Full PDB file with SEQRES, HELIX, SHEET, SSBOND, CRYST1, ORIGX, SCALE, CONECT and MASTER records, all heavy atoms in Angstrom:
SEQRES   1 A   33  LEU ILE VAL ALA LEU GLY GLU SER ALA ALA ASN THR ILE          
SEQRES   2 A   33  LEU ASN SER THR GLU PRO ILE GLU ASN LEU ARG ASN ASN          
SEQRES   3 A   33  ASN LEU ASN TYR ASN GLY LEU                                  
HELIX    1 AA1 GLU A    7  LEU A   14  1                                   8    
HELIX    2 AA2 ILE A   20  LEU A   23  1                                   4    
CRYST1    1.000    1.000    1.000  90.00  90.00  90.00 P 1           1          
ORIGX1      1.000000  0.000000  0.000000        0.00000                         
ORIGX2      0.000000  1.000000  0.000000        0.00000                         
ORIGX3      0.000000  0.000000  1.000000        0.00000                         
SCALE1      1.000000  0.000000  0.000000        0.00000                         
SCALE2      0.000000  1.000000  0.000000        0.00000                         
SCALE3      0.000000  0.000000  1.000000        0.00000                         
ATOM      1  N   LEU A   1     -48.131  94.749 218.090  1.00  0.00           N  
ATOM      2  CA  LEU A   1     -46.695  94.552 217.952  1.00  0.00           C  
ATOM      3  C   LEU A   1     -46.154  93.683 219.082  1.00  0.00           C  
ATOM      4  O   LEU A   1     -46.613  93.775 220.218  1.00  0.00           O  
ATOM      5  CB  LEU A   1     -46.016  95.925 218.008  1.00  0.00           C  
ATOM      6  CG  LEU A   1     -44.518  96.003 218.151  1.00  0.00           C  
ATOM      7  CD1 LEU A   1     -43.852  95.535 216.872  1.00  0.00           C  
ATOM      8  CD2 LEU A   1     -44.096  97.414 218.478  1.00  0.00           C  
ATOM      9  N   ILE A   2     -45.170  92.878 218.751  1.00  0.00           N  
ATOM     10  CA  ILE A   2     -44.367  92.163 219.744  1.00  0.00           C  
ATOM     11  C   ILE A   2     -42.946  92.690 219.610  1.00  0.00           C  
ATOM     12  O   ILE A   2     -42.418  92.782 218.501  1.00  0.00           O  
ATOM     13  CB  ILE A   2     -44.382  90.639 219.508  1.00  0.00           C  
ATOM     14  CG1 ILE A   2     -45.789  90.078 219.662  1.00  0.00           C  
ATOM     15  CG2 ILE A   2     -43.407  89.938 220.461  1.00  0.00           C  
ATOM     16  CD1 ILE A   2     -45.911  88.628 219.246  1.00  0.00           C  
ATOM     17  N   VAL A   3     -42.337  93.054 220.728  1.00  0.00           N  
ATOM     18  CA  VAL A   3     -40.936  93.490 220.730  1.00  0.00           C  
ATOM     19  C   VAL A   3     -40.136  92.404 221.443  1.00  0.00           C  
ATOM     20  O   VAL A   3     -40.356  92.140 222.615  1.00  0.00           O  
ATOM     21  CB  VAL A   3     -40.759  94.845 221.447  1.00  0.00           C  
ATOM     22  CG1 VAL A   3     -39.288  95.245 221.460  1.00  0.00           C  
ATOM     23  CG2 VAL A   3     -41.607  95.918 220.777  1.00  0.00           C  
ATOM     24  N   ALA A   4     -39.245  91.772 220.707  1.00  0.00           N  
ATOM     25  CA  ALA A   4     -38.384  90.742 221.266  1.00  0.00           C  
ATOM     26  C   ALA A   4     -37.075  91.401 221.690  1.00  0.00           C  
ATOM     27  O   ALA A   4     -36.375  92.001 220.873  1.00  0.00           O  
ATOM     28  CB  ALA A   4     -38.115  89.643 220.250  1.00  0.00           C  
ATOM     29  N   LEU A   5     -36.769  91.291 222.975  1.00  0.00           N  
ATOM     30  CA  LEU A   5     -35.538  91.874 223.506  1.00  0.00           C  
ATOM     31  C   LEU A   5     -34.449  90.809 223.502  1.00  0.00           C  
ATOM     32  O   LEU A   5     -34.352  89.986 224.392  1.00  0.00           O  
ATOM     33  CB  LEU A   5     -35.759  92.414 224.918  1.00  0.00           C  
ATOM     34  CG  LEU A   5     -36.793  93.526 225.043  1.00  0.00           C  
ATOM     35  CD1 LEU A   5     -36.955  93.930 226.496  1.00  0.00           C  
ATOM     36  CD2 LEU A   5     -36.399  94.720 224.197  1.00  0.00           C  
ATOM     37  N   GLY A   6     -33.643  90.829 222.471  1.00  0.00           N  
ATOM     38  CA  GLY A   6     -32.505  89.927 222.384  1.00  0.00           C  
ATOM     39  C   GLY A   6     -32.699  88.796 221.401  1.00  0.00           C  
ATOM     40  O   GLY A   6     -33.809  88.438 221.005  1.00  0.00           O  
ATOM     41  N   GLU A   7     -31.575  88.253 221.021  1.00  0.00           N  
ATOM     42  CA  GLU A   7     -31.521  87.166 220.051  1.00  0.00           C  
ATOM     43  C   GLU A   7     -32.245  85.921 220.554  1.00  0.00           C  
ATOM     44  O   GLU A   7     -32.982  85.276 219.799  1.00  0.00           O  
ATOM     45  CB  GLU A   7     -30.050  86.856 219.759  1.00  0.00           C  
ATOM     46  CG  GLU A   7     -29.798  85.800 218.730  1.00  0.00           C  
ATOM     47  CD  GLU A   7     -28.316  85.613 218.511  1.00  0.00           C  
ATOM     48  OE1 GLU A   7     -27.681  86.524 217.938  1.00  0.00           O  
ATOM     49  OE2 GLU A   7     -27.796  84.561 218.919  1.00  0.00           O  
ATOM     50  N   SER A   8     -32.050  85.576 221.820  1.00  0.00           N  
ATOM     51  CA  SER A   8     -32.681  84.366 222.369  1.00  0.00           C  
ATOM     52  C   SER A   8     -34.199  84.465 222.338  1.00  0.00           C  
ATOM     53  O   SER A   8     -34.883  83.519 221.941  1.00  0.00           O  
ATOM     54  CB  SER A   8     -32.216  84.113 223.801  1.00  0.00           C  
ATOM     55  OG  SER A   8     -30.840  83.848 223.828  1.00  0.00           O  
ATOM     56  N   ALA A   9     -34.729  85.611 222.752  1.00  0.00           N  
ATOM     57  CA  ALA A   9     -36.182  85.791 222.747  1.00  0.00           C  
ATOM     58  C   ALA A   9     -36.722  85.704 221.322  1.00  0.00           C  
ATOM     59  O   ALA A   9     -37.728  85.035 221.070  1.00  0.00           O  
ATOM     60  CB  ALA A   9     -36.544  87.132 223.377  1.00  0.00           C  
ATOM     61  N   ALA A  10     -36.070  86.378 220.408  1.00  0.00           N  
ATOM     62  CA  ALA A  10     -36.527  86.372 219.018  1.00  0.00           C  
ATOM     63  C   ALA A  10     -36.480  84.972 218.431  1.00  0.00           C  
ATOM     64  O   ALA A  10     -37.423  84.528 217.771  1.00  0.00           O  
ATOM     65  CB  ALA A  10     -35.675  87.324 218.191  1.00  0.00           C  
ATOM     66  N   ASN A  11     -35.394  84.262 218.674  1.00  0.00           N  
ATOM     67  CA  ASN A  11     -35.267  82.917 218.118  1.00  0.00           C  
ATOM     68  C   ASN A  11     -36.245  81.935 218.751  1.00  0.00           C  
ATOM     69  O   ASN A  11     -36.714  81.020 218.088  1.00  0.00           O  
ATOM     70  CB  ASN A  11     -33.829  82.419 218.243  1.00  0.00           C  
ATOM     71  CG  ASN A  11     -32.956  83.002 217.158  1.00  0.00           C  
ATOM     72  OD1 ASN A  11     -33.386  83.168 216.026  1.00  0.00           O  
ATOM     73  ND2 ASN A  11     -31.729  83.325 217.496  1.00  0.00           N  
ATOM     74  N   THR A  12     -36.577  82.139 220.004  1.00  0.00           N  
ATOM     75  CA  THR A  12     -37.590  81.292 220.644  1.00  0.00           C  
ATOM     76  C   THR A  12     -38.949  81.536 220.001  1.00  0.00           C  
ATOM     77  O   THR A  12     -39.669  80.590 219.668  1.00  0.00           O  
ATOM     78  CB  THR A  12     -37.652  81.565 222.157  1.00  0.00           C  
ATOM     79  OG1 THR A  12     -36.385  81.243 222.722  1.00  0.00           O  
ATOM     80  CG2 THR A  12     -38.731  80.737 222.823  1.00  0.00           C  
ATOM     81  N   ILE A  13     -39.302  82.789 219.818  1.00  0.00           N  
ATOM     82  CA  ILE A  13     -40.585  83.123 219.198  1.00  0.00           C  
ATOM     83  C   ILE A  13     -40.654  82.597 217.765  1.00  0.00           C  
ATOM     84  O   ILE A  13     -41.666  82.028 217.351  1.00  0.00           O  
ATOM     85  CB  ILE A  13     -40.806  84.653 219.211  1.00  0.00           C  
ATOM     86  CG1 ILE A  13     -41.018  85.136 220.653  1.00  0.00           C  
ATOM     87  CG2 ILE A  13     -41.992  85.055 218.333  1.00  0.00           C  
ATOM     88  CD1 ILE A  13     -40.970  86.642 220.809  1.00  0.00           C  
ATOM     89  N   LEU A  14     -39.582  82.780 217.018  1.00  0.00           N  
ATOM     90  CA  LEU A  14     -39.568  82.416 215.602  1.00  0.00           C  
ATOM     91  C   LEU A  14     -39.132  80.979 215.338  1.00  0.00           C  
ATOM     92  O   LEU A  14     -39.160  80.543 214.186  1.00  0.00           O  
ATOM     93  CB  LEU A  14     -38.637  83.370 214.839  1.00  0.00           C  
ATOM     94  CG  LEU A  14     -39.063  84.830 214.822  1.00  0.00           C  
ATOM     95  CD1 LEU A  14     -37.941  85.701 214.270  1.00  0.00           C  
ATOM     96  CD2 LEU A  14     -40.344  84.994 214.006  1.00  0.00           C  
ATOM     97  N   ASN A  15     -38.710  80.283 216.382  1.00  0.00           N  
ATOM     98  CA  ASN A  15     -38.196  78.919 216.239  1.00  0.00           C  
ATOM     99  C   ASN A  15     -37.073  78.888 215.187  1.00  0.00           C  
ATOM    100  O   ASN A  15     -37.109  78.133 214.230  1.00  0.00           O  
ATOM    101  CB  ASN A  15     -39.314  77.945 215.876  1.00  0.00           C  
ATOM    102  CG  ASN A  15     -38.876  76.498 216.039  1.00  0.00           C  
ATOM    103  OD1 ASN A  15     -38.004  76.203 216.844  1.00  0.00           O  
ATOM    104  ND2 ASN A  15     -39.462  75.613 215.265  1.00  0.00           N  
ATOM    105  N   SER A  16     -36.083  79.765 215.398  1.00  0.00           N  
ATOM    106  CA  SER A  16     -34.968  79.870 214.459  1.00  0.00           C  
ATOM    107  C   SER A  16     -33.658  79.926 215.225  1.00  0.00           C  
ATOM    108  O   SER A  16     -33.642  79.856 216.454  1.00  0.00           O  
ATOM    109  CB  SER A  16     -35.131  81.108 213.588  1.00  0.00           C  
ATOM    110  OG  SER A  16     -34.875  82.285 214.323  1.00  0.00           O  
ATOM    111  N   THR A  17     -32.583  80.065 214.491  1.00  0.00           N  
ATOM    112  CA  THR A  17     -31.253  80.186 215.092  1.00  0.00           C  
ATOM    113  C   THR A  17     -30.477  81.349 214.475  1.00  0.00           C  
ATOM    114  O   THR A  17     -29.254  81.346 214.451  1.00  0.00           O  
ATOM    115  CB  THR A  17     -30.443  78.882 214.908  1.00  0.00           C  
ATOM    116  OG1 THR A  17     -30.349  78.591 213.507  1.00  0.00           O  
ATOM    117  CG2 THR A  17     -31.084  77.719 215.641  1.00  0.00           C  
ATOM    118  N   GLU A  18     -31.193  82.331 213.989  1.00  0.00           N  
ATOM    119  CA  GLU A  18     -30.569  83.470 213.310  1.00  0.00           C  
ATOM    120  C   GLU A  18     -29.827  84.371 214.299  1.00  0.00           C  
ATOM    121  O   GLU A  18     -30.294  84.584 215.414  1.00  0.00           O  
ATOM    122  CB  GLU A  18     -31.635  84.305 212.599  1.00  0.00           C  
ATOM    123  CG  GLU A  18     -32.267  83.631 211.414  1.00  0.00           C  
ATOM    124  CD  GLU A  18     -31.309  83.488 210.249  1.00  0.00           C  
ATOM    125  OE1 GLU A  18     -30.460  84.374 210.024  1.00  0.00           O  
ATOM    126  OE2 GLU A  18     -31.409  82.458 209.562  1.00  0.00           O  
ATOM    127  N   PRO A  19     -28.714  84.947 213.877  1.00  0.00           N  
ATOM    128  CA  PRO A  19     -28.050  85.949 214.720  1.00  0.00           C  
ATOM    129  C   PRO A  19     -28.869  87.236 214.735  1.00  0.00           C  
ATOM    130  O   PRO A  19     -29.630  87.525 213.796  1.00  0.00           O  
ATOM    131  CB  PRO A  19     -26.696  86.156 214.043  1.00  0.00           C  
ATOM    132  CG  PRO A  19     -26.889  85.707 212.648  1.00  0.00           C  
ATOM    133  CD  PRO A  19     -27.967  84.655 212.668  1.00  0.00           C  
ATOM    134  N   ILE A  20     -28.702  88.012 215.780  1.00  0.00           N  
ATOM    135  CA  ILE A  20     -29.494  89.233 215.926  1.00  0.00           C  
ATOM    136  C   ILE A  20     -29.270  90.195 214.760  1.00  0.00           C  
ATOM    137  O   ILE A  20     -30.185  90.931 214.371  1.00  0.00           O  
ATOM    138  CB  ILE A  20     -29.241  89.916 217.288  1.00  0.00           C  
ATOM    139  CG1 ILE A  20     -30.345  90.942 217.568  1.00  0.00           C  
ATOM    140  CG2 ILE A  20     -27.851  90.516 217.355  1.00  0.00           C  
ATOM    141  CD1 ILE A  20     -30.457  91.366 218.998  1.00  0.00           C  
ATOM    142  N   GLU A  21     -28.090  90.165 214.172  1.00  0.00           N  
ATOM    143  CA  GLU A  21     -27.811  91.040 213.026  1.00  0.00           C  
ATOM    144  C   GLU A  21     -28.768  90.761 211.866  1.00  0.00           C  
ATOM    145  O   GLU A  21     -29.098  91.661 211.090  1.00  0.00           O  
ATOM    146  CB  GLU A  21     -26.358  90.873 212.551  1.00  0.00           C  
ATOM    147  CG  GLU A  21     -25.324  91.335 213.546  1.00  0.00           C  
ATOM    148  CD  GLU A  21     -25.017  90.289 214.633  1.00  0.00           C  
ATOM    149  OE1 GLU A  21     -25.428  89.121 214.486  1.00  0.00           O  
ATOM    150  OE2 GLU A  21     -24.387  90.665 215.628  1.00  0.00           O  
ATOM    151  N   ASN A  22     -29.205  89.514 211.723  1.00  0.00           N  
ATOM    152  CA  ASN A  22     -30.143  89.154 210.656  1.00  0.00           C  
ATOM    153  C   ASN A  22     -31.592  89.401 211.059  1.00  0.00           C  
ATOM    154  O   ASN A  22     -32.464  89.449 210.197  1.00  0.00           O  
ATOM    155  CB  ASN A  22     -29.992  87.687 210.270  1.00  0.00           C  
ATOM    156  CG  ASN A  22     -28.645  87.386 209.654  1.00  0.00           C  
ATOM    157  OD1 ASN A  22     -27.881  88.278 209.320  1.00  0.00           O  
ATOM    158  ND2 ASN A  22     -28.346  86.112 209.509  1.00  0.00           N  
ATOM    159  N   LEU A  23     -31.852  89.511 212.345  1.00  0.00           N  
ATOM    160  CA  LEU A  23     -33.220  89.677 212.830  1.00  0.00           C  
ATOM    161  C   LEU A  23     -33.633  91.144 212.930  1.00  0.00           C  
ATOM    162  O   LEU A  23     -34.796  91.478 212.704  1.00  0.00           O  
ATOM    163  CB  LEU A  23     -33.364  89.002 214.199  1.00  0.00           C  
ATOM    164  CG  LEU A  23     -33.167  87.487 214.206  1.00  0.00           C  
ATOM    165  CD1 LEU A  23     -33.053  86.982 215.637  1.00  0.00           C  
ATOM    166  CD2 LEU A  23     -34.312  86.798 213.485  1.00  0.00           C  
ATOM    167  N   ARG A  24     -32.699  92.003 213.281  1.00  0.00           N  
ATOM    168  CA  ARG A  24     -33.008  93.429 213.408  1.00  0.00           C  
ATOM    169  C   ARG A  24     -33.292  94.023 212.033  1.00  0.00           C  
ATOM    170  O   ARG A  24     -32.823  93.540 211.021  1.00  0.00           O  
ATOM    171  CB  ARG A  24     -31.827  94.189 214.015  1.00  0.00           C  
ATOM    172  CG  ARG A  24     -31.639  93.989 215.491  1.00  0.00           C  
ATOM    173  CD  ARG A  24     -30.563  94.899 216.068  1.00  0.00           C  
ATOM    174  NE  ARG A  24     -30.958  96.295 215.945  1.00  0.00           N  
ATOM    175  CZ  ARG A  24     -30.430  97.141 215.059  1.00  0.00           C  
ATOM    176  NH1 ARG A  24     -29.467  96.771 214.247  1.00  0.00           N  
ATOM    177  NH2 ARG A  24     -30.853  98.396 215.007  1.00  0.00           N  
ATOM    178  N   ASN A  25     -34.060  95.094 212.028  1.00  0.00           N  
ATOM    179  CA  ASN A  25     -34.363  95.856 210.810  1.00  0.00           C  
ATOM    180  C   ASN A  25     -35.033  95.021 209.726  1.00  0.00           C  
ATOM    181  O   ASN A  25     -34.808  95.235 208.539  1.00  0.00           O  
ATOM    182  CB  ASN A  25     -33.100  96.519 210.244  1.00  0.00           C  
ATOM    183  CG  ASN A  25     -32.514  97.526 211.194  1.00  0.00           C  
ATOM    184  OD1 ASN A  25     -33.239  98.277 211.830  1.00  0.00           O  
ATOM    185  ND2 ASN A  25     -31.206  97.528 211.317  1.00  0.00           N  
ATOM    186  N   ASN A  26     -35.832  94.063 210.137  1.00  0.00           N  
ATOM    187  CA  ASN A  26     -36.587  93.245 209.204  1.00  0.00           C  
ATOM    188  C   ASN A  26     -38.063  93.323 209.539  1.00  0.00           C  
ATOM    189  O   ASN A  26     -38.437  93.494 210.693  1.00  0.00           O  
ATOM    190  CB  ASN A  26     -36.149  91.776 209.269  1.00  0.00           C  
ATOM    191  CG  ASN A  26     -34.863  91.537 208.529  1.00  0.00           C  
ATOM    192  OD1 ASN A  26     -34.732  91.926 207.373  1.00  0.00           O  
ATOM    193  ND2 ASN A  26     -33.906  90.914 209.182  1.00  0.00           N  
ATOM    194  N   ASN A  27     -38.887  93.177 208.531  1.00  0.00           N  
ATOM    195  CA  ASN A  27     -40.325  93.095 208.745  1.00  0.00           C  
ATOM    196  C   ASN A  27     -40.661  91.661 209.101  1.00  0.00           C  
ATOM    197  O   ASN A  27     -40.859  90.824 208.225  1.00  0.00           O  
ATOM    198  CB  ASN A  27     -41.086  93.528 207.485  1.00  0.00           C  
ATOM    199  CG  ASN A  27     -40.881  94.980 207.165  1.00  0.00           C  
ATOM    200  OD1 ASN A  27     -40.806  95.807 208.072  1.00  0.00           O  
ATOM    201  ND2 ASN A  27     -40.789  95.310 205.895  1.00  0.00           N  
ATOM    202  N   LEU A  28     -40.704  91.381 210.389  1.00  0.00           N  
ATOM    203  CA  LEU A  28     -40.986  90.030 210.859  1.00  0.00           C  
ATOM    204  C   LEU A  28     -42.429  89.948 211.331  1.00  0.00           C  
ATOM    205  O   LEU A  28     -43.040  90.951 211.703  1.00  0.00           O  
ATOM    206  CB  LEU A  28     -40.028  89.662 211.999  1.00  0.00           C  
ATOM    207  CG  LEU A  28     -38.544  89.704 211.648  1.00  0.00           C  
ATOM    208  CD1 LEU A  28     -37.703  89.527 212.895  1.00  0.00           C  
ATOM    209  CD2 LEU A  28     -38.208  88.642 210.620  1.00  0.00           C  
ATOM    210  N   ASN A  29     -42.956  88.729 211.329  1.00  0.00           N  
ATOM    211  CA  ASN A  29     -44.351  88.514 211.680  1.00  0.00           C  
ATOM    212  C   ASN A  29     -44.441  87.273 212.550  1.00  0.00           C  
ATOM    213  O   ASN A  29     -43.765  86.281 212.305  1.00  0.00           O  
ATOM    214  CB  ASN A  29     -45.145  88.331 210.391  1.00  0.00           C  
ATOM    215  CG  ASN A  29     -46.620  88.236 210.637  1.00  0.00           C  
ATOM    216  OD1 ASN A  29     -47.092  87.248 211.181  1.00  0.00           O  
ATOM    217  ND2 ASN A  29     -47.348  89.254 210.233  1.00  0.00           N  
ATOM    218  N   TYR A  30     -45.281  87.354 213.566  1.00  0.00           N  
ATOM    219  CA  TYR A  30     -45.555  86.185 214.408  1.00  0.00           C  
ATOM    220  C   TYR A  30     -47.060  86.098 214.613  1.00  0.00           C  
ATOM    221  O   TYR A  30     -47.663  86.985 215.223  1.00  0.00           O  
ATOM    222  CB  TYR A  30     -44.837  86.294 215.756  1.00  0.00           C  
ATOM    223  CG  TYR A  30     -45.173  85.161 216.677  1.00  0.00           C  
ATOM    224  CD1 TYR A  30     -44.650  83.895 216.458  1.00  0.00           C  
ATOM    225  CD2 TYR A  30     -46.039  85.342 217.739  1.00  0.00           C  
ATOM    226  CE1 TYR A  30     -44.967  82.841 217.291  1.00  0.00           C  
ATOM    227  CE2 TYR A  30     -46.361  84.286 218.580  1.00  0.00           C  
ATOM    228  CZ  TYR A  30     -45.822  83.040 218.344  1.00  0.00           C  
ATOM    229  OH  TYR A  30     -46.145  81.999 219.158  1.00  0.00           O  
ATOM    230  N   ASN A  31     -47.657  85.076 214.065  1.00  0.00           N  
ATOM    231  CA  ASN A  31     -49.107  84.857 214.177  1.00  0.00           C  
ATOM    232  C   ASN A  31     -49.918  86.093 213.799  1.00  0.00           C  
ATOM    233  O   ASN A  31     -50.867  86.473 214.473  1.00  0.00           O  
ATOM    234  CB  ASN A  31     -49.491  84.398 215.584  1.00  0.00           C  
ATOM    235  CG  ASN A  31     -49.050  82.980 215.864  1.00  0.00           C  
ATOM    236  OD1 ASN A  31     -48.713  82.235 214.956  1.00  0.00           O  
ATOM    237  ND2 ASN A  31     -49.049  82.608 217.121  1.00  0.00           N  
ATOM    238  N   GLY A  32     -49.504  86.773 212.739  1.00  0.00           N  
ATOM    239  CA  GLY A  32     -50.230  87.932 212.257  1.00  0.00           C  
ATOM    240  C   GLY A  32     -49.882  89.244 212.931  1.00  0.00           C  
ATOM    241  O   GLY A  32     -50.444  90.279 212.590  1.00  0.00           O  
ATOM    242  N   LEU A  33     -48.975  89.215 213.877  1.00  0.00           N  
ATOM    243  CA  LEU A  33     -48.546  90.437 214.568  1.00  0.00           C  
ATOM    244  C   LEU A  33     -47.150  90.824 214.092  1.00  0.00           C  
ATOM    245  O   LEU A  33     -46.302  89.972 213.844  1.00  0.00           O  
ATOM    246  CB  LEU A  33     -48.508  90.230 216.081  1.00  0.00           C  
ATOM    247  CG  LEU A  33     -49.831  89.950 216.759  1.00  0.00           C  
ATOM    248  CD1 LEU A  33     -49.596  89.569 218.210  1.00  0.00           C  
ATOM    249  CD2 LEU A  33     -50.738  91.157 216.667  1.00  0.00           C  
TER     250      LEU A  33                                                      
MASTER        0    0    0    2    0    0    0    6  249    1    0    3          
END                                                                             
């Protein structure tokens, strides 16, 4: 598991611009993790 703390960290990992409301509570994947 990877835990992204905050919108900026998540968007950097995912190369996106989504608000945290859209990122939380989703089944997200990064390189198979």
